[in-house]
N, C-alpha and C. Protein backbone atom coordinates (compact mmCIF):
# COMPACT_ATOMS: atom_id res chain seq x y z
N MET A 1 -7.32 -3.30 -21.97
CA MET A 1 -6.06 -2.74 -22.44
C MET A 1 -5.09 -2.62 -21.27
N THR A 2 -3.90 -3.14 -21.45
CA THR A 2 -2.90 -3.07 -20.38
C THR A 2 -2.24 -1.68 -20.36
N THR A 3 -1.77 -1.32 -19.17
CA THR A 3 -1.01 -0.09 -18.99
C THR A 3 0.28 -0.44 -18.26
N GLN A 4 1.05 0.58 -17.92
CA GLN A 4 2.30 0.33 -17.20
C GLN A 4 2.44 1.28 -16.02
N ILE A 5 3.06 0.76 -14.98
CA ILE A 5 3.45 1.53 -13.80
C ILE A 5 4.97 1.51 -13.72
N GLY A 6 5.57 2.66 -13.54
CA GLY A 6 7.01 2.72 -13.40
C GLY A 6 7.45 2.50 -11.96
N LEU A 7 8.68 2.05 -11.80
CA LEU A 7 9.26 1.87 -10.47
C LEU A 7 10.38 2.89 -10.28
N VAL A 8 10.18 3.80 -9.33
CA VAL A 8 11.22 4.75 -8.96
C VAL A 8 12.28 4.05 -8.12
N SER A 9 11.81 3.20 -7.19
CA SER A 9 12.73 2.37 -6.40
C SER A 9 11.95 1.21 -5.80
N VAL A 10 12.69 0.15 -5.46
CA VAL A 10 12.16 -0.99 -4.72
C VAL A 10 12.87 -0.98 -3.37
N ASN A 11 12.09 -1.09 -2.29
CA ASN A 11 12.63 -0.84 -0.95
C ASN A 11 12.31 -1.99 0.00
N VAL A 12 13.28 -2.36 0.82
CA VAL A 12 13.07 -3.45 1.78
C VAL A 12 13.76 -3.10 3.10
N ALA A 13 13.37 -3.83 4.15
CA ALA A 13 14.04 -3.71 5.44
C ALA A 13 13.62 -4.88 6.32
N MET A 14 14.55 -5.35 7.12
CA MET A 14 14.22 -6.31 8.16
C MET A 14 13.79 -5.55 9.40
N PRO A 15 12.96 -6.15 10.27
CA PRO A 15 12.51 -5.45 11.48
C PRO A 15 13.69 -4.99 12.34
N GLN A 16 13.56 -3.78 12.84
CA GLN A 16 14.58 -3.20 13.72
C GLN A 16 13.91 -2.29 14.73
N HIS A 17 14.67 -1.88 15.73
CA HIS A 17 14.13 -1.02 16.77
C HIS A 17 13.72 0.32 16.18
N LEU A 18 12.46 0.71 16.42
CA LEU A 18 11.94 1.96 15.89
C LEU A 18 11.90 3.05 16.96
N GLY A 19 11.65 2.65 18.20
CA GLY A 19 11.56 3.61 19.29
C GLY A 19 10.66 3.08 20.38
N LEU A 20 10.27 3.96 21.30
CA LEU A 20 9.39 3.60 22.41
C LEU A 20 8.01 4.21 22.18
N HIS A 21 7.00 3.41 22.44
CA HIS A 21 5.62 3.86 22.33
C HIS A 21 4.88 3.43 23.58
N ARG A 22 4.43 4.42 24.36
CA ARG A 22 3.74 4.15 25.62
C ARG A 22 4.57 3.23 26.51
N GLY A 23 5.86 3.49 26.51
CA GLY A 23 6.77 2.76 27.37
C GLY A 23 7.21 1.41 26.85
N GLN A 24 6.73 1.04 25.68
CA GLN A 24 7.09 -0.27 25.12
C GLN A 24 8.04 -0.10 23.94
N ARG A 25 8.99 -1.01 23.85
CA ARG A 25 9.95 -1.01 22.75
C ARG A 25 9.25 -1.50 21.49
N ILE A 26 9.33 -0.72 20.42
CA ILE A 26 8.64 -1.04 19.18
C ILE A 26 9.64 -1.47 18.11
N THR A 27 9.36 -2.61 17.51
CA THR A 27 10.16 -3.12 16.40
C THR A 27 9.33 -3.07 15.13
N SER A 28 9.95 -2.65 14.03
CA SER A 28 9.19 -2.52 12.78
C SER A 28 10.12 -2.61 11.59
N GLY A 29 9.55 -2.98 10.45
CA GLY A 29 10.28 -2.99 9.19
C GLY A 29 9.93 -1.80 8.32
N ILE A 30 9.41 -0.73 8.92
CA ILE A 30 8.93 0.41 8.14
C ILE A 30 10.06 1.27 7.57
N ALA A 31 11.22 1.23 8.20
CA ALA A 31 12.34 2.08 7.76
C ALA A 31 13.09 1.41 6.61
N LYS A 32 12.46 1.37 5.45
CA LYS A 32 13.01 0.65 4.31
C LYS A 32 14.03 1.49 3.55
N ARG A 33 14.89 0.80 2.79
CA ARG A 33 15.92 1.44 1.99
C ARG A 33 15.88 0.88 0.58
N PRO A 34 16.22 1.70 -0.42
CA PRO A 34 16.22 1.21 -1.80
C PRO A 34 17.18 0.04 -2.00
N VAL A 35 16.77 -0.89 -2.83
CA VAL A 35 17.56 -2.08 -3.15
C VAL A 35 18.56 -1.74 -4.25
N THR A 36 19.77 -2.28 -4.13
CA THR A 36 20.79 -2.06 -5.16
C THR A 36 20.96 -3.27 -6.08
N ALA A 37 20.43 -4.43 -5.67
CA ALA A 37 20.52 -5.63 -6.51
C ALA A 37 19.67 -5.45 -7.77
N GLU A 38 19.97 -6.21 -8.79
CA GLU A 38 19.22 -6.11 -10.05
C GLU A 38 17.85 -6.78 -9.97
N SER A 39 17.73 -7.80 -9.12
CA SER A 39 16.46 -8.50 -8.99
C SER A 39 16.32 -9.08 -7.59
N LEU A 40 15.07 -9.43 -7.23
CA LEU A 40 14.76 -10.01 -5.93
C LEU A 40 13.77 -11.15 -6.12
N TRP A 41 13.72 -12.04 -5.13
CA TRP A 41 12.69 -13.06 -5.12
C TRP A 41 11.49 -12.53 -4.35
N LEU A 42 10.31 -12.73 -4.90
CA LEU A 42 9.06 -12.33 -4.25
C LEU A 42 8.24 -13.58 -3.98
N ASP A 43 7.92 -13.81 -2.69
CA ASP A 43 7.06 -14.94 -2.36
C ASP A 43 5.68 -14.43 -1.97
N HIS A 44 4.86 -15.28 -1.38
CA HIS A 44 3.48 -14.89 -1.09
C HIS A 44 3.37 -13.88 0.05
N LEU A 45 4.44 -13.70 0.83
CA LEU A 45 4.36 -12.82 1.99
C LEU A 45 5.29 -11.62 1.93
N ASN A 46 6.44 -11.76 1.25
CA ASN A 46 7.43 -10.69 1.32
C ASN A 46 8.35 -10.69 0.11
N LEU A 47 8.93 -9.52 -0.13
CA LEU A 47 10.09 -9.44 -1.01
C LEU A 47 11.32 -9.96 -0.28
N GLU A 48 12.26 -10.49 -1.02
CA GLU A 48 13.54 -10.91 -0.46
C GLU A 48 14.18 -9.73 0.27
N GLY A 49 14.61 -9.98 1.53
CA GLY A 49 15.23 -8.92 2.32
C GLY A 49 14.26 -8.07 3.09
N ASP A 50 12.97 -8.39 3.01
CA ASP A 50 11.95 -7.61 3.68
C ASP A 50 11.19 -8.50 4.65
N ALA A 51 10.70 -7.93 5.73
CA ALA A 51 9.89 -8.67 6.69
C ALA A 51 9.10 -7.69 7.52
N GLN A 52 8.03 -8.18 8.17
CA GLN A 52 7.23 -7.35 9.04
C GLN A 52 7.28 -7.90 10.45
N ALA A 53 7.32 -7.00 11.42
CA ALA A 53 7.54 -7.41 12.80
C ALA A 53 6.27 -7.93 13.47
N ASP A 54 5.13 -7.31 13.18
CA ASP A 54 3.87 -7.65 13.84
C ASP A 54 2.94 -8.29 12.82
N LEU A 55 3.03 -9.60 12.68
CA LEU A 55 2.27 -10.28 11.65
C LEU A 55 0.77 -10.30 11.93
N GLU A 56 0.36 -10.16 13.20
CA GLU A 56 -1.06 -10.15 13.51
C GLU A 56 -1.74 -8.89 12.98
N VAL A 57 -1.01 -7.79 12.95
CA VAL A 57 -1.58 -6.51 12.54
C VAL A 57 -1.22 -6.15 11.10
N HIS A 58 0.03 -6.37 10.72
CA HIS A 58 0.50 -5.83 9.45
C HIS A 58 0.82 -6.88 8.39
N GLY A 59 0.89 -8.13 8.76
CA GLY A 59 1.36 -9.12 7.81
C GLY A 59 0.25 -9.84 7.08
N GLY A 60 0.62 -10.95 6.48
CA GLY A 60 -0.35 -11.77 5.78
C GLY A 60 -0.35 -11.51 4.29
N PRO A 61 -0.95 -12.42 3.54
CA PRO A 61 -0.93 -12.34 2.07
C PRO A 61 -1.54 -11.07 1.50
N ASP A 62 -2.52 -10.47 2.18
CA ASP A 62 -3.16 -9.27 1.64
C ASP A 62 -2.37 -8.00 1.90
N LYS A 63 -1.21 -8.12 2.54
CA LYS A 63 -0.33 -6.97 2.76
C LYS A 63 1.11 -7.35 2.42
N ALA A 64 1.24 -8.16 1.39
CA ALA A 64 2.57 -8.65 1.02
C ALA A 64 3.46 -7.55 0.49
N VAL A 65 2.89 -6.66 -0.34
CA VAL A 65 3.67 -5.59 -0.98
C VAL A 65 2.88 -4.29 -0.86
N TYR A 66 3.57 -3.24 -0.42
CA TYR A 66 2.93 -1.93 -0.30
C TYR A 66 3.53 -0.98 -1.33
N ALA A 67 2.65 -0.36 -2.12
CA ALA A 67 3.08 0.57 -3.16
C ALA A 67 2.61 1.98 -2.83
N TYR A 68 3.47 2.96 -3.14
CA TYR A 68 3.12 4.36 -2.87
C TYR A 68 3.56 5.24 -4.03
N PRO A 69 2.66 6.11 -4.52
CA PRO A 69 2.99 6.94 -5.68
C PRO A 69 4.00 8.04 -5.35
N SER A 70 5.07 8.10 -6.11
CA SER A 70 6.06 9.16 -5.92
C SER A 70 5.48 10.53 -6.27
N GLU A 71 4.40 10.55 -7.04
CA GLU A 71 3.75 11.82 -7.40
C GLU A 71 3.31 12.62 -6.17
N HIS A 72 3.05 11.93 -5.07
CA HIS A 72 2.58 12.62 -3.87
C HIS A 72 3.70 13.33 -3.09
N LEU A 73 4.93 12.95 -3.31
CA LEU A 73 6.00 13.40 -2.44
C LEU A 73 6.23 14.92 -2.43
N PRO A 74 6.18 15.61 -3.59
CA PRO A 74 6.37 17.07 -3.53
C PRO A 74 5.34 17.77 -2.64
N LYS A 75 4.09 17.35 -2.73
CA LYS A 75 3.05 17.96 -1.90
C LYS A 75 3.28 17.65 -0.43
N TRP A 76 3.62 16.41 -0.12
CA TRP A 76 3.91 16.05 1.26
C TRP A 76 5.10 16.85 1.79
N ALA A 77 6.14 16.98 0.98
CA ALA A 77 7.34 17.70 1.42
C ALA A 77 6.99 19.14 1.79
N ALA A 78 6.11 19.76 0.98
CA ALA A 78 5.70 21.14 1.26
C ALA A 78 4.84 21.21 2.52
N GLU A 79 3.95 20.25 2.70
CA GLU A 79 3.05 20.26 3.85
C GLU A 79 3.76 19.93 5.15
N LEU A 80 4.71 19.01 5.09
CA LEU A 80 5.38 18.54 6.30
C LEU A 80 6.65 19.32 6.61
N GLY A 81 7.17 20.02 5.61
CA GLY A 81 8.45 20.69 5.80
C GLY A 81 9.59 19.72 5.96
N GLN A 82 9.49 18.58 5.28
CA GLN A 82 10.51 17.54 5.37
C GLN A 82 10.99 17.17 3.97
N GLU A 83 12.25 16.80 3.88
CA GLU A 83 12.77 16.27 2.62
C GLU A 83 12.41 14.80 2.51
N LEU A 84 11.75 14.45 1.42
CA LEU A 84 11.23 13.08 1.28
C LEU A 84 11.82 12.42 0.05
N GLY A 85 12.17 11.15 0.21
CA GLY A 85 12.69 10.36 -0.90
C GLY A 85 12.02 9.02 -0.95
N PRO A 86 12.62 8.05 -1.64
CA PRO A 86 12.04 6.70 -1.72
C PRO A 86 11.81 6.10 -0.34
N ALA A 87 10.71 5.38 -0.21
CA ALA A 87 10.32 4.70 1.03
C ALA A 87 9.98 5.68 2.15
N ALA A 88 9.61 6.91 1.79
CA ALA A 88 9.25 7.90 2.81
C ALA A 88 8.08 7.44 3.67
N PHE A 89 7.21 6.60 3.11
CA PHE A 89 6.05 6.12 3.85
C PHE A 89 6.14 4.62 4.14
N GLY A 90 7.34 4.09 4.06
CA GLY A 90 7.57 2.68 4.37
C GLY A 90 7.15 1.74 3.28
N GLU A 91 7.07 2.27 2.04
CA GLU A 91 6.59 1.44 0.94
C GLU A 91 7.67 0.53 0.36
N ASN A 92 7.23 -0.61 -0.15
CA ASN A 92 8.12 -1.51 -0.90
C ASN A 92 8.38 -0.99 -2.29
N LEU A 93 7.33 -0.44 -2.91
CA LEU A 93 7.45 0.05 -4.28
C LEU A 93 7.14 1.54 -4.31
N SER A 94 8.12 2.34 -4.68
CA SER A 94 7.89 3.76 -4.95
C SER A 94 7.59 3.85 -6.43
N THR A 95 6.34 4.20 -6.76
CA THR A 95 5.87 4.06 -8.15
C THR A 95 5.74 5.41 -8.85
N ALA A 96 5.57 5.34 -10.16
CA ALA A 96 5.31 6.52 -10.99
C ALA A 96 4.35 6.11 -12.10
N GLY A 97 3.36 6.97 -12.36
CA GLY A 97 2.45 6.68 -13.46
C GLY A 97 1.06 6.28 -13.05
N GLY A 98 0.73 6.38 -11.77
CA GLY A 98 -0.62 6.04 -11.33
C GLY A 98 -0.80 6.40 -9.87
N THR A 99 -1.97 6.92 -9.53
CA THR A 99 -2.29 7.24 -8.14
C THR A 99 -3.55 6.50 -7.72
N GLU A 100 -4.04 6.81 -6.54
CA GLU A 100 -5.25 6.17 -6.02
C GLU A 100 -6.46 6.42 -6.91
N ASP A 101 -6.42 7.49 -7.68
CA ASP A 101 -7.53 7.79 -8.59
C ASP A 101 -7.49 6.96 -9.88
N ASP A 102 -6.39 6.28 -10.12
CA ASP A 102 -6.22 5.48 -11.33
C ASP A 102 -6.19 3.98 -11.05
N VAL A 103 -5.54 3.60 -9.95
CA VAL A 103 -5.33 2.19 -9.63
C VAL A 103 -6.60 1.62 -9.01
N CYS A 104 -6.97 0.42 -9.44
CA CYS A 104 -8.24 -0.19 -9.00
C CYS A 104 -8.00 -1.49 -8.24
N ILE A 105 -8.91 -1.75 -7.31
CA ILE A 105 -8.91 -3.04 -6.63
C ILE A 105 -9.10 -4.14 -7.66
N GLY A 106 -8.25 -5.13 -7.60
CA GLY A 106 -8.33 -6.23 -8.56
C GLY A 106 -7.42 -6.08 -9.76
N ASP A 107 -6.82 -4.90 -9.95
CA ASP A 107 -5.82 -4.76 -11.02
C ASP A 107 -4.72 -5.79 -10.81
N ARG A 108 -4.31 -6.42 -11.89
CA ARG A 108 -3.22 -7.39 -11.79
C ARG A 108 -1.93 -6.79 -12.34
N TRP A 109 -0.88 -6.93 -11.56
CA TRP A 109 0.44 -6.40 -11.91
C TRP A 109 1.36 -7.55 -12.31
N PHE A 110 1.87 -7.49 -13.52
CA PHE A 110 2.81 -8.50 -14.02
C PHE A 110 4.21 -7.89 -13.93
N TRP A 111 4.94 -8.37 -12.95
CA TRP A 111 6.24 -7.80 -12.59
C TRP A 111 7.29 -8.92 -12.66
N GLY A 112 8.09 -8.90 -13.69
CA GLY A 112 9.04 -10.00 -13.88
C GLY A 112 8.29 -11.31 -14.01
N ASP A 113 8.69 -12.29 -13.21
CA ASP A 113 8.03 -13.60 -13.24
C ASP A 113 6.82 -13.66 -12.31
N ALA A 114 6.58 -12.61 -11.54
CA ALA A 114 5.51 -12.63 -10.53
C ALA A 114 4.24 -11.95 -11.02
N VAL A 115 3.13 -12.35 -10.41
CA VAL A 115 1.84 -11.71 -10.67
C VAL A 115 1.26 -11.26 -9.32
N LEU A 116 0.88 -9.99 -9.25
CA LEU A 116 0.32 -9.42 -8.03
C LEU A 116 -1.08 -8.89 -8.31
N GLU A 117 -1.82 -8.61 -7.22
CA GLU A 117 -3.18 -8.11 -7.36
C GLU A 117 -3.43 -7.03 -6.31
N VAL A 118 -3.87 -5.88 -6.76
CA VAL A 118 -4.21 -4.79 -5.83
C VAL A 118 -5.42 -5.21 -5.00
N CYS A 119 -5.33 -5.08 -3.66
CA CYS A 119 -6.44 -5.60 -2.86
C CYS A 119 -6.97 -4.65 -1.79
N GLN A 120 -6.26 -3.57 -1.45
CA GLN A 120 -6.81 -2.66 -0.43
C GLN A 120 -5.99 -1.38 -0.32
N PRO A 121 -6.63 -0.28 0.12
CA PRO A 121 -5.88 0.91 0.49
C PRO A 121 -5.13 0.66 1.80
N ARG A 122 -4.29 1.60 2.16
CA ARG A 122 -3.58 1.49 3.43
C ARG A 122 -4.32 2.24 4.53
N THR A 123 -4.36 1.63 5.70
CA THR A 123 -4.79 2.32 6.91
C THR A 123 -3.57 2.44 7.81
N PRO A 124 -3.04 3.65 8.04
CA PRO A 124 -1.79 3.78 8.79
C PRO A 124 -1.97 3.54 10.29
N CYS A 125 -0.92 3.10 10.94
CA CYS A 125 -0.93 2.94 12.39
C CYS A 125 0.11 3.89 12.99
N PHE A 126 0.29 3.81 14.29
CA PHE A 126 1.18 4.72 15.00
C PHE A 126 2.64 4.60 14.56
N LYS A 127 3.00 3.48 13.94
CA LYS A 127 4.40 3.31 13.53
C LYS A 127 4.79 4.28 12.42
N LEU A 128 3.83 4.66 11.58
CA LEU A 128 4.13 5.66 10.56
C LEU A 128 4.45 6.99 11.22
N ALA A 129 3.71 7.34 12.28
CA ALA A 129 3.98 8.57 13.02
C ALA A 129 5.39 8.54 13.63
N MET A 130 5.78 7.39 14.15
CA MET A 130 7.13 7.27 14.72
C MET A 130 8.19 7.39 13.63
N HIS A 131 7.92 6.76 12.51
CA HIS A 131 8.88 6.76 11.40
C HIS A 131 9.09 8.16 10.84
N ARG A 132 8.03 8.94 10.71
CA ARG A 132 8.11 10.29 10.14
C ARG A 132 8.34 11.36 11.19
N GLY A 133 8.20 10.99 12.47
CA GLY A 133 8.36 11.98 13.52
C GLY A 133 7.24 13.01 13.55
N ARG A 134 6.05 12.60 13.13
CA ARG A 134 4.87 13.47 13.09
C ARG A 134 3.68 12.72 13.66
N GLY A 135 3.20 13.19 14.80
CA GLY A 135 2.06 12.53 15.42
C GLY A 135 0.78 12.63 14.62
N ASP A 136 0.70 13.59 13.70
CA ASP A 136 -0.53 13.79 12.93
C ASP A 136 -0.50 13.17 11.55
N ILE A 137 0.57 12.46 11.21
CA ILE A 137 0.72 11.99 9.83
C ILE A 137 -0.35 10.97 9.45
N GLY A 138 -0.78 10.13 10.39
CA GLY A 138 -1.82 9.16 10.08
C GLY A 138 -3.13 9.84 9.70
N ARG A 139 -3.51 10.85 10.48
CA ARG A 139 -4.73 11.61 10.17
C ARG A 139 -4.60 12.32 8.83
N LEU A 140 -3.44 12.92 8.59
CA LEU A 140 -3.25 13.63 7.33
C LEU A 140 -3.32 12.68 6.13
N LEU A 141 -2.74 11.50 6.28
CA LEU A 141 -2.77 10.54 5.19
C LEU A 141 -4.20 10.09 4.90
N ARG A 142 -4.95 9.83 5.98
CA ARG A 142 -6.33 9.38 5.78
C ARG A 142 -7.19 10.47 5.16
N THR A 143 -7.10 11.70 5.67
CA THR A 143 -7.97 12.76 5.16
C THR A 143 -7.58 13.20 3.75
N SER A 144 -6.31 13.09 3.41
CA SER A 144 -5.87 13.47 2.07
C SER A 144 -6.24 12.43 1.02
N GLY A 145 -6.42 11.18 1.45
CA GLY A 145 -6.67 10.10 0.50
C GLY A 145 -5.42 9.61 -0.19
N ARG A 146 -4.27 10.16 0.19
CA ARG A 146 -3.00 9.72 -0.41
C ARG A 146 -2.46 8.53 0.38
N THR A 147 -3.16 7.42 0.25
CA THR A 147 -2.94 6.25 1.11
C THR A 147 -1.94 5.24 0.55
N GLY A 148 -1.78 5.20 -0.78
CA GLY A 148 -1.09 4.07 -1.38
C GLY A 148 -1.99 2.84 -1.31
N TRP A 149 -1.44 1.68 -1.67
CA TRP A 149 -2.26 0.46 -1.70
C TRP A 149 -1.38 -0.77 -1.50
N TYR A 150 -2.05 -1.82 -1.02
CA TYR A 150 -1.39 -3.11 -0.82
C TYR A 150 -1.74 -4.05 -1.98
N LEU A 151 -0.80 -4.94 -2.25
CA LEU A 151 -1.00 -5.99 -3.25
C LEU A 151 -0.72 -7.35 -2.64
N ARG A 152 -1.53 -8.33 -3.03
CA ARG A 152 -1.24 -9.72 -2.69
C ARG A 152 -0.48 -10.35 -3.85
N VAL A 153 0.21 -11.43 -3.58
CA VAL A 153 1.00 -12.12 -4.61
C VAL A 153 0.25 -13.36 -5.07
N LEU A 154 -0.16 -13.36 -6.31
CA LEU A 154 -0.86 -14.51 -6.88
C LEU A 154 0.12 -15.56 -7.39
N GLN A 155 1.25 -15.11 -7.89
CA GLN A 155 2.27 -16.01 -8.43
C GLN A 155 3.64 -15.49 -8.00
N PRO A 156 4.32 -16.22 -7.11
CA PRO A 156 5.67 -15.80 -6.72
C PRO A 156 6.63 -15.88 -7.91
N GLY A 157 7.73 -15.17 -7.79
CA GLY A 157 8.72 -15.23 -8.86
C GLY A 157 9.82 -14.21 -8.65
N ARG A 158 10.79 -14.23 -9.54
CA ARG A 158 11.89 -13.26 -9.49
C ARG A 158 11.46 -11.99 -10.20
N VAL A 159 11.74 -10.86 -9.55
CA VAL A 159 11.27 -9.58 -10.06
C VAL A 159 12.45 -8.63 -10.26
N PRO A 160 12.45 -7.86 -11.36
CA PRO A 160 13.51 -6.90 -11.60
C PRO A 160 13.28 -5.62 -10.80
N VAL A 161 14.34 -5.06 -10.29
CA VAL A 161 14.22 -3.84 -9.50
C VAL A 161 13.90 -2.63 -10.39
N SER A 162 14.26 -2.70 -11.64
CA SER A 162 14.09 -1.56 -12.53
C SER A 162 12.68 -1.39 -13.09
N GLY A 163 11.88 -2.45 -13.12
CA GLY A 163 10.55 -2.33 -13.70
C GLY A 163 10.64 -2.17 -15.22
N PRO A 164 9.58 -1.68 -15.90
CA PRO A 164 8.29 -1.30 -15.34
C PRO A 164 7.40 -2.51 -15.07
N VAL A 165 6.21 -2.23 -14.55
CA VAL A 165 5.22 -3.25 -14.26
C VAL A 165 4.08 -3.11 -15.26
N THR A 166 3.67 -4.22 -15.85
CA THR A 166 2.52 -4.22 -16.76
C THR A 166 1.25 -4.46 -15.95
N VAL A 167 0.25 -3.60 -16.16
CA VAL A 167 -0.99 -3.66 -15.38
C VAL A 167 -2.15 -4.09 -16.26
N GLU A 168 -2.86 -5.11 -15.78
CA GLU A 168 -4.10 -5.56 -16.43
C GLU A 168 -5.26 -5.07 -15.58
N PRO A 169 -6.03 -4.08 -16.04
CA PRO A 169 -7.08 -3.48 -15.21
C PRO A 169 -8.20 -4.46 -14.87
N HIS A 170 -8.75 -4.29 -13.67
CA HIS A 170 -9.92 -5.08 -13.27
C HIS A 170 -11.17 -4.46 -13.88
N PRO A 171 -12.08 -5.26 -14.39
CA PRO A 171 -13.25 -4.71 -15.10
C PRO A 171 -14.20 -3.90 -14.24
N MET A 172 -14.21 -4.09 -12.92
CA MET A 172 -15.13 -3.35 -12.07
C MET A 172 -14.76 -1.87 -11.97
N GLY A 173 -13.48 -1.55 -12.09
CA GLY A 173 -13.06 -0.16 -12.05
C GLY A 173 -13.25 0.54 -10.71
N ALA A 174 -13.16 -0.21 -9.62
CA ALA A 174 -13.31 0.37 -8.28
C ALA A 174 -11.95 0.89 -7.82
N THR A 175 -11.75 2.19 -7.93
CA THR A 175 -10.44 2.75 -7.63
C THR A 175 -10.14 2.68 -6.13
N VAL A 176 -8.86 2.73 -5.83
CA VAL A 176 -8.42 2.75 -4.43
C VAL A 176 -9.02 3.96 -3.73
N ALA A 177 -9.08 5.10 -4.43
CA ALA A 177 -9.64 6.32 -3.84
C ALA A 177 -11.11 6.14 -3.47
N VAL A 178 -11.89 5.54 -4.37
CA VAL A 178 -13.31 5.33 -4.11
C VAL A 178 -13.52 4.40 -2.93
N VAL A 179 -12.75 3.33 -2.85
CA VAL A 179 -12.88 2.37 -1.75
C VAL A 179 -12.50 3.03 -0.43
N HIS A 180 -11.42 3.78 -0.43
CA HIS A 180 -10.99 4.49 0.79
C HIS A 180 -12.08 5.43 1.28
N GLU A 181 -12.65 6.19 0.36
CA GLU A 181 -13.67 7.17 0.73
C GLU A 181 -14.95 6.48 1.21
N ALA A 182 -15.30 5.37 0.58
CA ALA A 182 -16.55 4.68 0.92
C ALA A 182 -16.54 4.10 2.33
N ALA A 183 -15.36 3.84 2.86
CA ALA A 183 -15.27 3.27 4.21
C ALA A 183 -15.51 4.31 5.30
N ARG A 184 -15.49 5.59 4.92
CA ARG A 184 -15.75 6.65 5.89
C ARG A 184 -17.25 6.81 6.10
N PRO A 185 -17.72 6.82 7.34
CA PRO A 185 -19.17 6.94 7.60
C PRO A 185 -19.77 8.16 6.92
N GLY A 186 -20.83 7.92 6.15
CA GLY A 186 -21.54 9.00 5.50
C GLY A 186 -20.88 9.57 4.27
N ALA A 187 -19.76 9.03 3.85
CA ALA A 187 -19.01 9.61 2.74
C ALA A 187 -19.46 9.12 1.38
N ALA A 188 -20.22 8.03 1.33
CA ALA A 188 -20.66 7.48 0.04
C ALA A 188 -22.06 6.91 0.20
N PRO A 189 -22.89 6.98 -0.83
CA PRO A 189 -24.23 6.38 -0.76
C PRO A 189 -24.14 4.89 -0.47
N LEU A 190 -25.15 4.38 0.20
CA LEU A 190 -25.14 2.97 0.58
C LEU A 190 -25.13 2.05 -0.64
N GLU A 191 -25.74 2.51 -1.75
CA GLU A 191 -25.73 1.66 -2.95
C GLU A 191 -24.32 1.52 -3.52
N VAL A 192 -23.49 2.55 -3.33
CA VAL A 192 -22.09 2.47 -3.76
C VAL A 192 -21.34 1.48 -2.88
N VAL A 193 -21.58 1.58 -1.58
CA VAL A 193 -20.94 0.64 -0.65
C VAL A 193 -21.33 -0.79 -0.99
N GLN A 194 -22.61 -1.01 -1.25
CA GLN A 194 -23.09 -2.35 -1.59
C GLN A 194 -22.42 -2.86 -2.87
N ALA A 195 -22.28 -1.99 -3.86
CA ALA A 195 -21.64 -2.39 -5.11
C ALA A 195 -20.18 -2.76 -4.90
N LEU A 196 -19.50 -1.99 -4.05
CA LEU A 196 -18.08 -2.27 -3.81
C LEU A 196 -17.88 -3.62 -3.12
N LEU A 197 -18.84 -4.03 -2.34
CA LEU A 197 -18.72 -5.32 -1.66
C LEU A 197 -18.70 -6.49 -2.64
N SER A 198 -19.14 -6.24 -3.88
CA SER A 198 -19.13 -7.31 -4.88
C SER A 198 -17.80 -7.40 -5.63
N VAL A 199 -16.85 -6.53 -5.29
CA VAL A 199 -15.52 -6.59 -5.92
C VAL A 199 -14.74 -7.71 -5.25
N GLU A 200 -14.73 -8.86 -5.87
CA GLU A 200 -14.21 -10.09 -5.25
C GLU A 200 -12.77 -9.99 -4.75
N PRO A 201 -11.86 -9.33 -5.49
CA PRO A 201 -10.47 -9.32 -5.02
C PRO A 201 -10.20 -8.45 -3.79
N MET A 202 -11.18 -7.66 -3.35
CA MET A 202 -10.95 -6.78 -2.20
C MET A 202 -10.61 -7.59 -0.95
N ALA A 203 -9.64 -7.11 -0.18
CA ALA A 203 -9.23 -7.79 1.05
C ALA A 203 -10.39 -7.87 2.03
N LEU A 204 -10.44 -8.96 2.79
CA LEU A 204 -11.52 -9.17 3.76
C LEU A 204 -11.59 -8.03 4.76
N GLU A 205 -10.45 -7.52 5.17
CA GLU A 205 -10.42 -6.42 6.14
C GLU A 205 -11.26 -5.23 5.66
N TRP A 206 -11.16 -4.92 4.38
CA TRP A 206 -11.90 -3.79 3.84
C TRP A 206 -13.34 -4.14 3.55
N LYS A 207 -13.61 -5.38 3.19
CA LYS A 207 -15.01 -5.79 3.02
C LYS A 207 -15.76 -5.67 4.34
N LEU A 208 -15.11 -6.04 5.43
CA LEU A 208 -15.74 -5.92 6.74
C LEU A 208 -15.98 -4.46 7.10
N ALA A 209 -15.01 -3.61 6.78
CA ALA A 209 -15.16 -2.18 7.07
C ALA A 209 -16.32 -1.59 6.28
N LEU A 210 -16.45 -1.98 5.03
CA LEU A 210 -17.56 -1.50 4.21
C LEU A 210 -18.90 -2.07 4.68
N ALA A 211 -18.91 -3.35 5.00
CA ALA A 211 -20.16 -3.98 5.46
C ALA A 211 -20.68 -3.33 6.72
N ALA A 212 -19.77 -2.82 7.54
CA ALA A 212 -20.19 -2.16 8.78
C ALA A 212 -20.94 -0.86 8.51
N ARG A 213 -20.84 -0.34 7.30
CA ARG A 213 -21.57 0.89 6.92
C ARG A 213 -23.02 0.61 6.59
N LEU A 214 -23.35 -0.63 6.31
CA LEU A 214 -24.72 -0.97 5.89
C LEU A 214 -25.64 -1.12 7.10
N PRO A 215 -26.91 -0.76 6.94
CA PRO A 215 -27.86 -0.93 8.06
C PRO A 215 -28.09 -2.41 8.36
N ASP A 216 -28.40 -2.71 9.61
CA ASP A 216 -28.65 -4.09 10.00
C ASP A 216 -29.90 -4.64 9.32
């Protein structure tokens, strides 16, 4: 049975100067802004008007689109003491109608003419801390499980900024929350980790992280 995910906003940015980190000038596309156009082109790597600065770490087909639930923002705003709006966490899609406890690895998203596939939770790096001005934000995001998720693009196409997105659930039912938790040492039984490794659409990066939990 298909479901729907709403779009609060679609956000893009080209790489720009973010600040200095350990004496080095950092460029990033994390400071995204909501799109005002009615539609955008989505290819295998990026939305139109969007790009990533460090392709070795952040780019590639398995990180083409980052989605983050708007449901988390009130709690974050209270915890951080910051006013938060669309793209607060550098996401391409600020969503409504599903969180990490609902969205599963392998879910297919039919968005306009494009087809996407959920493939991994997010692991934040220091650029999120620079963007939010909080050195502890990466740790807080990981421990809270409010990670958001990445999608790969199976079929490029023109996508409407208004949404909604039709979701075709993956039969394995491996939620983003379960996968995120299983990658933490000792957080999930080994048989659960082994089962998750059979979820074919999962990004290689996360399969390797899970495999590292198994005994030699």
